């Protein structure tokens, strides 16, 4: 069944179900992880922080951080990787290998085990892929810098560097020496990030120009685009985990480079270092709040609602629900496959294809939608409210101890 027929079937759904169906379909069709994850994370992180904002400075910081972070992570990789780095670093590749740049490095390495032609081509292709991946390190390093930029912004606009004043725990006069310390630390860390990126670009240039003739550079390239395959050749679970979550290589979306799970994890880890460092500069209260929030938020950003969805599918399967869409391995068909499935069931059961399609879509929306909403509620409002509450309680308890 064609995409056109799927669209026709969607239009036969009840008006109450149609928006949810279109959203789930768009979620699967989005370029890489970008569009829907931007909406999801912006909704999850920003709206609750706006609701629970403790001052104008706090609101401004959160708005700045969340909007710039989400746009940076979910839209810049494709622009920087596909439209800039790919054109620059692959220009000297033979035409027959330029398309291979979009193929996952893991797949190229696995294919090379059985195909000597691929193995020979990898000597040229993998260093270029690694160079493009290194060029994209601008994203996590900018993410790292954003936390320090936020500190400078708050100093400039609100003349505040003490977290107790920013979070409305106190309203004391600012310490000029502390402000200067925060300002200096922010500038030094931004310079550090710029220096590290310069090093990444230097190595990227070396890989792209000399990689095909150097065994050492080829090994470095393989480690960058497929760390699991390089480090854990005999441990399948470790290999797959590292290739998925700690690989800087891009994903392939219809022949174009797009954000990968490994790049997302890199952003979270590198950005987290800046998150903790910038928080520590502003006082122990800010650092403790970061330590409370970050592990939960980091896990959510990396996995989205995957963990919740997997657990939910297990529950539905055990209850005997959604039998037409959840198989024994907990796999669920893609939204655009539901039309073919509905046609198959209609012939088998001698029923109406529209009714079968409606039933399948309801199941699909239930499986995908509820975990999605649950994650937004828990990871958004619960985490924002919880961290603010515990920050205030810790501060009040410290005051009580001082007065004893």
Protein backbone atom coordinates (compact mmCIF):
# COMPACT_ATOMS: atom_id res chain seq x y z
CA UNK A 1 0.00 0.00 0.00
CA UNK A 2 1.42 3.37 -1.00
CA UNK A 3 1.97 6.40 1.23
CA UNK A 4 -0.91 8.04 -0.66
CA UNK A 5 -3.30 5.24 0.33
CA UNK A 6 -2.17 5.53 3.94
CA UNK A 7 -3.04 9.21 3.84
CA UNK A 8 -6.49 8.35 2.48
CA UNK A 9 -7.03 5.84 5.27
CA UNK A 10 -6.00 8.40 7.90
CA UNK A 11 -8.69 10.72 6.54
CA UNK A 12 -11.30 8.00 7.20
CA UNK A 13 -10.50 7.99 10.93
CA UNK A 14 -12.79 9.76 13.41
CA UNK A 15 -11.87 13.41 13.97
CA UNK A 16 -11.00 12.68 17.60
CA UNK A 17 -8.42 10.05 16.57
CA UNK A 18 -6.99 11.73 13.48
CA UNK A 19 -4.65 14.30 15.20
CA UNK A 20 -3.09 11.59 17.40
CA UNK A 21 -2.63 9.32 14.37
CA UNK A 22 -0.93 12.08 12.37
CA UNK A 23 1.35 12.93 15.29
CA UNK A 24 2.47 9.31 15.76
CA UNK A 25 3.05 8.99 12.00
CA UNK A 26 5.06 12.22 11.92
CA UNK A 27 7.06 11.04 14.95
CA UNK A 28 8.24 8.02 12.97
CA UNK A 29 8.85 9.90 9.73
CA UNK A 30 10.79 12.81 11.30
CA UNK A 31 14.32 13.35 10.01
CA UNK A 32 16.53 11.35 12.36
CA UNK A 33 15.64 12.23 15.91
CA UNK A 34 15.20 15.91 15.23
CA UNK A 35 11.70 17.33 14.87
CA UNK A 36 9.64 15.32 17.33
CA UNK A 37 12.45 15.07 19.86
CA UNK A 38 12.80 18.87 19.74
CA UNK A 39 9.09 19.24 20.48
CA UNK A 40 9.18 16.50 23.10
CA UNK A 41 12.22 17.78 25.00
CA UNK A 42 11.27 21.45 24.73
CA UNK A 43 7.82 20.60 26.10
CA UNK A 44 9.24 18.37 28.82
CA UNK A 45 12.01 20.69 29.96
CA UNK A 46 10.89 24.26 29.28
CA UNK A 47 7.17 24.46 30.10
CA UNK A 48 7.52 22.95 33.61
CA UNK A 49 10.47 25.25 34.36
CA UNK A 50 8.41 28.25 33.27
CA UNK A 51 5.60 27.13 35.58
CA UNK A 52 8.01 26.61 38.50
CA UNK A 53 10.28 29.61 37.80
CA UNK A 54 11.47 31.31 40.98
CA UNK A 55 12.46 34.72 39.64
CA UNK A 56 12.75 36.65 36.40
CA UNK A 57 16.44 35.71 36.24
CA UNK A 58 15.57 32.04 36.74
CA UNK A 59 12.90 32.21 34.03
CA UNK A 60 15.26 33.97 31.60
CA UNK A 61 18.04 31.45 32.19
CA UNK A 62 15.78 28.44 31.68
CA UNK A 63 14.18 29.89 28.55
CA UNK A 64 17.58 30.68 27.06
CA UNK A 65 19.10 27.32 27.94
CA UNK A 66 16.23 25.08 26.90
CA UNK A 67 15.48 26.72 23.56
CA UNK A 68 19.12 27.04 22.49
CA UNK A 69 20.05 23.55 23.74
CA UNK A 70 17.18 21.82 21.97
CA UNK A 71 17.72 23.72 18.71
CA UNK A 72 21.47 23.07 18.92
CA UNK A 73 21.14 19.35 19.55
CA UNK A 74 18.29 18.51 17.22
CA UNK A 75 18.81 20.77 14.19
CA UNK A 76 22.47 21.81 13.95
CA UNK A 77 23.96 18.28 13.50
CA UNK A 78 22.17 17.76 10.18
CA UNK A 79 23.10 21.23 8.94
CA UNK A 80 26.72 21.00 10.07
CA UNK A 81 27.19 17.36 9.10
CA UNK A 82 25.25 17.08 5.84
CA UNK A 83 25.57 20.56 4.34
CA UNK A 84 29.01 21.64 5.57
CA UNK A 85 31.38 18.92 6.81
CA UNK A 86 30.28 16.29 4.30
CA UNK A 87 30.86 18.62 1.36
CA UNK A 88 34.27 19.73 2.65
CA UNK A 89 35.76 16.40 3.75
CA UNK A 90 34.33 14.09 1.07
CA UNK A 91 35.14 16.26 -1.95
CA UNK A 92 38.29 14.22 -2.76
CA UNK A 93 36.56 10.85 -2.51
CA UNK A 94 35.80 8.96 -5.73
CA UNK A 95 32.20 9.50 -6.83
CA UNK A 96 31.29 5.86 -6.16
CA UNK A 97 32.29 6.27 -2.48
CA UNK A 98 30.66 9.63 -1.77
CA UNK A 99 27.32 7.94 -1.13
CA UNK A 100 29.00 5.52 1.30
CA UNK A 101 29.71 8.45 3.62
CA UNK A 102 26.07 8.37 4.74
CA UNK A 103 26.23 4.65 5.60
CA UNK A 104 26.83 3.90 9.28
CA UNK A 105 30.47 3.09 9.97
CA UNK A 106 29.36 0.02 11.92
CA UNK A 107 27.61 -1.33 8.81
CA UNK A 108 30.62 -0.69 6.61
CA UNK A 109 32.93 -2.49 9.04
CA UNK A 110 30.57 -5.48 9.34
CA UNK A 111 30.17 -5.65 5.55
CA UNK A 112 33.96 -5.60 5.11
CA UNK A 113 34.21 -8.94 6.94
CA UNK A 114 32.59 -10.65 3.95
CA UNK A 115 33.37 -8.25 1.12
CA UNK A 116 37.02 -7.50 0.23
CA UNK A 117 35.95 -4.61 -2.01
CA UNK A 118 34.24 -2.88 0.94
CA UNK A 119 37.31 -3.56 3.09
CA UNK A 120 39.52 -1.82 0.56
CA UNK A 121 37.07 1.08 0.15
CA UNK A 122 36.85 1.55 3.92
CA UNK A 123 40.44 2.73 3.95
CA UNK A 124 39.24 5.80 2.07
CA UNK A 125 35.70 6.12 3.42
CA UNK A 126 36.06 5.62 7.19
CA UNK A 127 38.64 8.41 7.75
CA UNK A 128 36.28 10.82 5.94
CA UNK A 129 33.34 9.66 8.06
CA UNK A 130 35.45 10.13 11.20
CA UNK A 131 36.46 13.62 10.05
CA UNK A 132 32.81 14.58 9.58
CA UNK A 133 31.96 13.18 13.03
CA UNK A 134 34.77 15.19 14.64
CA UNK A 135 33.59 18.36 12.89
CA UNK A 136 30.21 17.80 14.55
CA UNK A 137 31.89 17.99 17.97
CA UNK A 138 31.03 21.68 17.70
CA UNK A 139 27.58 20.73 19.02
CA UNK A 140 28.52 19.10 22.37
CA UNK A 141 31.29 21.64 22.95
CA UNK A 142 28.85 24.49 22.33
CA UNK A 143 26.43 22.73 24.67
CA UNK A 144 29.22 22.70 27.26
CA UNK A 145 29.78 26.42 26.73
CA UNK A 146 26.09 27.38 26.93
CA UNK A 147 26.03 26.86 30.69
CA UNK A 148 28.88 29.34 31.12
CA UNK A 149 27.32 31.73 28.59
CA UNK A 150 24.17 31.57 30.73
CA UNK A 151 26.21 32.63 33.79
CA UNK A 152 27.67 35.57 31.87
CA UNK A 153 24.21 36.53 30.58
CA UNK A 154 22.72 36.57 34.09
CA UNK A 155 25.64 38.66 35.34
CA UNK A 156 25.22 41.12 32.48
CA UNK A 157 21.42 41.47 32.59
CA UNK A 158 20.58 40.94 36.27
CA UNK A 159 23.96 41.56 37.92
CA UNK A 160 23.64 38.25 39.79
CA UNK A 161 26.02 35.36 40.27
CA UNK A 162 24.83 33.95 43.59
CA UNK A 163 22.37 31.12 43.03
CA UNK A 164 20.59 31.86 46.31
CA UNK A 165 19.57 35.24 44.89
CA UNK A 166 18.69 33.84 41.46
CA UNK A 167 16.47 31.13 42.99
CA UNK A 168 14.88 33.64 45.42
CA UNK A 169 16.21 31.77 48.44
CA UNK A 170 17.73 35.06 49.59
CA UNK A 171 17.82 38.64 48.47
CA UNK A 172 21.28 39.66 49.67
CA UNK A 173 23.78 42.06 48.19
CA UNK A 174 25.97 40.39 45.59
CA UNK A 175 29.63 39.70 46.39
CA UNK A 176 31.75 41.47 43.73
CA UNK A 177 34.66 39.06 44.24
CA UNK A 178 32.36 36.10 43.66
CA UNK A 179 30.93 37.73 40.55
CA UNK A 180 34.42 38.21 39.15
CA UNK A 181 35.26 34.58 39.93
CA UNK A 182 32.16 33.38 38.06
CA UNK A 183 32.89 35.70 35.12
CA UNK A 184 36.52 34.59 34.85
CA UNK A 185 35.65 30.88 35.11
CA UNK A 186 33.00 31.23 32.39
CA UNK A 187 35.39 32.94 29.97
CA UNK A 188 38.16 30.39 30.63
CA UNK A 189 35.86 27.43 30.05
CA UNK A 190 34.48 28.91 26.83
CA UNK A 191 38.09 29.36 25.63
CA UNK A 192 38.80 25.74 26.63
CA UNK A 193 35.87 24.52 24.52
CA UNK A 194 37.07 26.59 21.56
CA UNK A 195 40.58 25.13 21.93
CA UNK A 196 39.25 21.57 22.07
CA UNK A 197 37.22 22.15 18.94
CA UNK A 198 40.25 23.53 17.15
CA UNK A 199 41.99 20.25 18.03
CA UNK A 200 39.01 18.27 16.67
CA UNK A 201 39.16 20.18 13.39
CA UNK A 202 42.91 19.62 13.17
CA UNK A 203 42.51 15.87 13.64
CA UNK A 204 39.55 15.84 11.23
CA UNK A 205 41.66 17.49 8.53
CA UNK A 206 44.48 15.00 9.14
CA UNK A 207 42.11 12.03 8.90
CA UNK A 208 40.45 13.28 5.71
CA UNK A 209 43.73 14.04 3.92
CA UNK A 210 46.12 11.35 5.23
CA UNK A 211 43.84 8.68 6.68
CA UNK A 212 43.71 6.36 3.68
CA UNK A 213 47.49 5.84 3.79
CA UNK A 214 47.98 5.50 7.56
CA UNK A 215 47.14 2.38 9.60
CA UNK A 216 47.17 4.42 12.83
CA UNK A 217 44.72 6.98 11.42
CA UNK A 218 42.51 4.18 10.10
CA UNK A 219 42.37 2.64 13.59
CA UNK A 220 41.46 6.04 15.05
CA UNK A 221 38.76 6.41 12.40
CA UNK A 222 37.27 3.00 13.20
CA UNK A 223 37.25 3.85 16.92
CA UNK A 224 35.38 7.12 16.24
CA UNK A 225 32.69 5.64 13.95
CA UNK A 226 32.36 2.21 15.61
CA UNK A 227 33.90 2.14 19.12
CA UNK A 228 32.06 -1.04 20.12
CA UNK A 229 33.30 -2.96 17.10
CA UNK A 230 36.84 -1.80 17.84
CA UNK A 231 36.88 -2.49 21.59
CA UNK A 232 34.54 -5.47 22.03
CA UNK A 233 34.87 -7.81 19.08
CA UNK A 234 33.84 -10.88 21.12
CA UNK A 235 31.27 -9.31 23.44
CA UNK A 236 28.15 -8.68 21.36
CA UNK A 237 26.17 -6.85 24.05
CA UNK A 238 29.01 -4.46 24.90
CA UNK A 239 29.75 -3.95 21.21
CA UNK A 240 26.13 -3.05 20.40
CA UNK A 241 25.83 -0.78 23.46
CA UNK A 242 28.97 1.21 22.64
CA UNK A 243 28.08 1.43 18.95
CA UNK A 244 24.63 2.76 19.80
CA UNK A 245 25.29 5.11 22.72
CA UNK A 246 28.97 6.12 22.50
CA UNK A 247 29.52 6.43 18.77
CA UNK A 248 30.03 9.89 17.26
CA UNK A 249 29.04 8.77 13.77
CA UNK A 250 25.92 10.16 12.08
CA UNK A 251 22.79 8.18 11.27
CA UNK A 252 21.66 7.65 7.70
CA UNK A 253 18.24 9.09 6.80
CA UNK A 254 17.44 8.44 3.13
CA UNK A 255 21.07 8.90 2.13
CA UNK A 256 21.59 12.01 4.24
CA UNK A 257 23.42 12.50 7.53
CA UNK A 258 21.27 13.09 10.60
CA UNK A 259 21.52 13.03 14.39
CA UNK A 260 22.39 9.66 15.94
CA UNK A 261 21.82 8.28 19.42
CA UNK A 262 25.58 8.30 20.02
CA UNK A 263 25.83 11.99 19.15
CA UNK A 264 22.92 12.70 21.46
CA UNK A 265 24.70 10.86 24.29
CA UNK A 266 27.91 12.79 23.59
CA UNK A 267 25.98 16.06 23.86
CA UNK A 268 24.50 14.99 27.19
CA UNK A 269 27.84 13.88 28.67
CA UNK A 270 29.96 16.79 27.44
CA UNK A 271 27.19 19.29 28.13
CA UNK A 272 26.77 17.72 31.58
CA UNK A 273 30.37 18.57 32.43
CA UNK A 274 29.62 22.22 31.69
CA UNK A 275 26.31 21.98 33.53
CA UNK A 276 28.02 20.80 36.73
CA UNK A 277 30.98 23.18 36.37
CA UNK A 278 28.87 26.29 35.80
CA UNK A 279 26.59 25.28 38.69
CA UNK A 280 29.50 24.78 41.08
CA UNK A 281 30.76 28.28 40.26
CA UNK A 282 27.51 29.80 41.55
CA UNK A 283 27.38 27.98 44.88
CA UNK A 284 26.76 24.62 46.53
CA UNK A 285 22.98 25.05 46.36
CA UNK A 286 23.12 25.22 42.55
CA UNK A 287 25.51 22.23 42.40
CA UNK A 288 23.24 20.10 44.61
CA UNK A 289 20.20 21.00 42.53
CA UNK A 290 22.10 19.99 39.38
CA UNK A 291 23.15 16.68 40.98
CA UNK A 292 19.49 15.99 41.81
CA UNK A 293 18.12 16.82 38.37
CA UNK A 294 20.83 15.83 35.89
CA UNK A 295 20.83 12.00 36.18
CA UNK A 296 17.07 11.84 35.55
CA UNK A 297 17.08 14.41 32.75
CA UNK A 298 20.15 12.87 31.09
CA UNK A 299 18.59 9.41 31.05
CA UNK A 300 15.38 10.83 29.61
CA UNK A 301 17.09 12.90 26.90
CA UNK A 302 19.13 9.89 25.76
CA UNK A 303 16.34 7.33 25.78
CA UNK A 304 13.25 9.50 25.25
CA UNK A 305 10.22 7.44 26.21
CA UNK A 306 11.79 4.18 24.98
CA UNK A 307 12.15 2.55 28.41
CA UNK A 308 8.60 3.46 29.41
CA UNK A 309 7.25 2.28 26.06
CA UNK A 310 9.08 -1.06 26.33
CA UNK A 311 7.71 -1.67 29.83
CA UNK A 312 4.23 -0.63 28.69
CA UNK A 313 4.33 -3.07 25.77
CA UNK A 314 5.26 -5.86 28.18
CA UNK A 315 2.27 -5.04 30.38
CA UNK A 316 -0.13 -4.88 27.41
CA UNK A 317 1.23 -8.15 26.04
CA UNK A 318 0.76 -9.95 29.37
CA UNK A 319 -2.78 -8.58 29.59
CA UNK A 320 -3.53 -9.89 26.12
CA UNK A 321 -4.11 -6.39 24.71
CA UNK A 322 -3.09 -5.04 21.30
CA UNK A 323 -2.59 -8.55 19.90
CA UNK A 324 -2.73 -7.27 16.33
CA UNK A 325 0.17 -4.87 16.82
CA UNK A 326 2.48 -6.38 19.47
CA UNK A 327 4.20 -9.63 18.50
CA UNK A 328 5.88 -12.12 20.84
CA UNK A 329 9.17 -10.18 20.68
CA UNK A 330 7.34 -6.93 21.56
CA UNK A 331 7.87 -5.54 18.07
CA UNK A 332 5.28 -3.07 16.78
CA UNK A 333 4.71 -2.33 13.06
CA UNK A 334 5.53 1.09 11.67
CA UNK A 335 2.60 3.43 11.22
CA UNK A 336 2.84 3.33 7.43
CA UNK A 337 2.62 -0.48 7.54
CA UNK A 338 -0.77 -0.38 9.26
CA UNK A 339 -2.59 0.07 5.94
CA UNK A 340 -1.19 -3.19 4.55
CA UNK A 341 -1.89 -4.92 7.84
CA UNK A 342 -5.48 -3.66 7.86
CA UNK A 343 -5.95 -4.93 4.29
CA UNK A 344 -4.57 -8.33 5.27
CA UNK A 345 -6.83 -8.63 8.33
CA UNK A 346 -9.88 -7.44 6.36
CA UNK A 347 -9.41 -10.22 3.79
CA UNK A 348 -8.70 -12.84 6.45
CA UNK A 349 -11.59 -11.86 8.71
CA UNK A 350 -13.94 -10.72 5.93
CA UNK A 351 -14.33 -7.33 7.57
CA UNK A 352 -14.14 -3.69 6.49
CA UNK A 353 -10.61 -2.37 5.88
CA UNK A 354 -11.46 1.02 7.42
CA UNK A 355 -12.64 -0.66 10.64
CA UNK A 356 -9.50 -2.80 10.82
CA UNK A 357 -7.35 0.28 10.18
CA UNK A 358 -9.14 2.24 12.90
CA UNK A 359 -8.54 -0.60 15.39
CA UNK A 360 -4.84 -0.84 14.48
CA UNK A 361 -4.35 2.92 14.73
CA UNK A 362 -5.99 2.98 18.17
CA UNK A 363 -3.57 0.30 19.33
CA UNK A 364 -0.59 2.10 17.81
CA UNK A 365 -1.57 5.42 19.42
CA UNK A 366 -2.06 3.69 22.77
CA UNK A 367 1.34 1.95 22.62
CA UNK A 368 3.22 5.11 21.58
CA UNK A 369 1.14 7.94 22.97
CA UNK A 370 0.60 7.02 26.62
CA UNK A 371 4.31 6.43 27.40
CA UNK A 372 5.07 9.70 25.59
CA UNK A 373 2.57 11.68 27.70
CA UNK A 374 3.65 9.86 30.86
CA UNK A 375 7.30 10.75 30.22
CA UNK A 376 6.46 14.41 29.68
CA UNK A 377 4.44 14.54 32.90
CA UNK A 378 6.95 12.68 35.06
CA UNK A 379 10.19 13.99 33.56
CA UNK A 380 8.81 17.47 33.09
CA UNK A 381 6.62 18.70 35.89
CA UNK A 382 7.66 16.13 38.50
CA UNK A 383 11.40 16.69 38.10
CA UNK A 384 11.09 20.49 37.91
CA UNK A 385 8.84 20.63 40.96
CA UNK A 386 10.86 18.07 42.91
CA UNK A 387 14.24 19.74 42.37
CA UNK A 388 12.90 23.18 43.29
CA UNK A 389 11.25 21.75 46.42
CA UNK A 390 14.37 19.94 47.61
CA UNK A 391 16.58 22.96 46.89
CA UNK A 392 14.37 25.07 49.15
CA UNK A 393 14.22 22.37 51.86
CA UNK A 394 18.01 21.91 51.84
CA UNK A 395 18.48 25.64 52.19
CA UNK A 396 15.99 25.88 55.05
CA UNK A 397 17.62 22.94 56.82
CA UNK A 398 21.05 24.55 56.50
CA UNK A 399 19.69 27.73 58.05
CA UNK A 400 18.26 25.75 60.97
CA UNK A 401 21.61 24.09 61.58
CA UNK A 402 23.37 27.46 61.55
CA UNK A 403 20.93 28.81 64.15
CA UNK A 404 21.32 25.90 66.56
